[in-house]
Amino acid sequence: MTLTEQVTKSIILRLIKGQDYRIEVVALINAQFLQFAMDFFEKIVQAKLRNKDVMDWYKKEFLNPAFFVA
């Protein structure tokens, strides 16, 4: 079960119980941002290990809209 599925279940349970679910939404946003940041830095490290110029890599990979597709 992914983090997103867990948070979704938690949100539904909180809604059924009439509880505040906003903390779960914030947790989901934080988790997604953290995963994006880790993936981004992993790609930078891989580029550096392959002796690629980081700026060229950045222009080619990071500015590519496909980079943001999950």
C-alpha atoms as a PDB file:
ATOM      1  CA  MET A   1       0.000   0.000   0.000  1.00  0.00           C
ATOM      2  CA  THR A   2       1.422   3.367  -0.989  1.00  0.00           C
ATOM      3  CA  LEU A   3       1.547   6.433   1.199  1.00  0.00           C
ATOM      4  CA  THR A   4      -1.118   8.059  -0.970  1.00  0.00           C
ATOM      5  CA  GLU A   5      -3.473   5.116  -0.426  1.00  0.00           C
ATOM      6  CA  GLN A   6      -2.876   5.221   3.320  1.00  0.00           C
ATOM      7  CA  VAL A   7      -3.561   8.944   3.504  1.00  0.00           C
ATOM      8  CA  THR A   8      -6.694   8.546   1.365  1.00  0.00           C
ATOM      9  CA  LYS A   9      -8.039   5.887   3.721  1.00  0.00           C
ATOM     10  CA  SER A  10      -7.203   8.061   6.707  1.00  0.00           C
ATOM     11  CA  ILE A  11      -8.992  11.050   5.138  1.00  0.00           C
ATOM     12  CA  ILE A  12     -12.100   8.954   4.476  1.00  0.00           C
ATOM     13  CA  LEU A  13     -12.108   7.603   8.022  1.00  0.00           C
ATOM     14  CA  ARG A  14     -11.751  11.106   9.439  1.00  0.00           C
ATOM     15  CA  LEU A  15     -14.595  12.352   7.240  1.00  0.00           C
ATOM     16  CA  ILE A  16     -16.848   9.499   8.360  1.00  0.00           C
ATOM     17  CA  LYS A  17     -16.051  10.256  12.007  1.00  0.00           C
ATOM     18  CA  GLY A  18     -16.586  13.996  11.458  1.00  0.00           C
ATOM     19  CA  GLN A  19     -12.981  14.805  12.338  1.00  0.00           C
ATOM     20  CA  ASP A  20     -10.647  17.387  10.828  1.00  0.00           C
ATOM     21  CA  TYR A  21      -8.816  15.841   7.869  1.00  0.00           C
ATOM     22  CA  ARG A  22      -6.670  18.820   6.855  1.00  0.00           C
ATOM     23  CA  ILE A  23      -3.608  17.479   8.673  1.00  0.00           C
ATOM     24  CA  GLU A  24      -3.731  14.428   6.408  1.00  0.00           C
ATOM     25  CA  VAL A  25      -3.795  16.615   3.301  1.00  0.00           C
ATOM     26  CA  VAL A  26      -0.768  18.551   4.547  1.00  0.00           C
ATOM     27  CA  ALA A  27       1.029  15.273   5.275  1.00  0.00           C
ATOM     28  CA  LEU A  28       0.294  14.080   1.745  1.00  0.00           C
ATOM     29  CA  ILE A  29       1.624  17.298   0.200  1.00  0.00           C
ATOM     30  CA  ASN A  30       4.758  17.082   2.340  1.00  0.00           C
ATOM     31  CA  ALA A  31       5.348  13.444   1.406  1.00  0.00           C
ATOM     32  CA  GLN A  32       4.948  14.141  -2.306  1.00  0.00           C
ATOM     33  CA  PHE A  33       7.327  17.107  -2.121  1.00  0.00           C
ATOM     34  CA  LEU A  34       9.899  15.081  -0.197  1.00  0.00           C
ATOM     35  CA  GLN A  35       9.726  12.283  -2.765  1.00  0.00           C
ATOM     36  CA  PHE A  36      10.130  14.775  -5.622  1.00  0.00           C
ATOM     37  CA  ALA A  37      13.148  16.378  -3.918  1.00  0.00           C
ATOM     38  CA  MET A  38      14.786  13.005  -3.284  1.00  0.00           C
ATOM     39  CA  ASP A  39      14.237  11.919  -6.899  1.00  0.00           C
ATOM     40  CA  PHE A  40      15.617  15.239  -8.141  1.00  0.00           C
ATOM     41  CA  PHE A  41      18.801  15.016  -6.057  1.00  0.00           C
ATOM     42  CA  GLU A  42      19.255  11.376  -7.015  1.00  0.00           C
ATOM     43  CA  LYS A  43      19.213  12.404 -10.676  1.00  0.00           C
ATOM     44  CA  ILE A  44      21.787  15.119  -9.959  1.00  0.00           C
ATOM     45  CA  VAL A  45      24.081  12.607  -8.246  1.00  0.00           C
ATOM     46  CA  GLN A  46      23.697  10.172 -11.145  1.00  0.00           C
ATOM     47  CA  ALA A  47      24.567  12.933 -13.614  1.00  0.00           C
ATOM     48  CA  LYS A  48      27.634  13.896 -11.584  1.00  0.00           C
ATOM     49  CA  LEU A  49      28.773  10.273 -11.360  1.00  0.00           C
ATOM     50  CA  ARG A  50      28.582  10.031 -15.145  1.00  0.00           C
ATOM     51  CA  ASN A  51      30.754  13.161 -15.370  1.00  0.00           C
ATOM     52  CA  LYS A  52      28.019  15.121 -17.102  1.00  0.00           C
ATOM     53  CA  ASP A  53      27.955  18.884 -16.888  1.00  0.00           C
ATOM     54  CA  VAL A  54      25.152  19.565 -14.421  1.00  0.00           C
ATOM     55  CA  MET A  55      23.959  22.685 -16.259  1.00  0.00           C
ATOM     56  CA  ASP A  56      23.621  20.794 -19.549  1.00  0.00           C
ATOM     57  CA  TRP A  57      21.837  17.993 -17.721  1.00  0.00           C
ATOM     58  CA  TYR A  58      19.583  20.504 -15.994  1.00  0.00           C
ATOM     59  CA  LYS A  59      18.606  22.167 -19.264  1.00  0.00           C
ATOM     60  CA  LYS A  60      17.941  18.846 -20.981  1.00  0.00           C
ATOM     61  CA  GLU A  61      16.235  16.883 -18.201  1.00  0.00           C
ATOM     62  CA  PHE A  62      14.783  19.233 -15.616  1.00  0.00           C
ATOM     63  CA  LEU A  63      13.311  21.773 -18.015  1.00  0.00           C
ATOM     64  CA  ASN A  64      11.667  18.900 -19.899  1.00  0.00           C
ATOM     65  CA  PRO A  65       7.929  18.850 -18.972  1.00  0.00           C
ATOM     66  CA  ALA A  66       8.014  15.030 -18.903  1.00  0.00           C
ATOM     67  CA  PHE A  67      10.228  15.301 -15.819  1.00  0.00           C
ATOM     68  CA  PHE A  68       7.251  16.373 -13.755  1.00  0.00           C
ATOM     69  CA  VAL A  69       4.977  13.515 -14.786  1.00  0.00           C
ATOM     70  CA  ALA A  70       4.686  10.999 -11.978  1.00  0.00           C
END
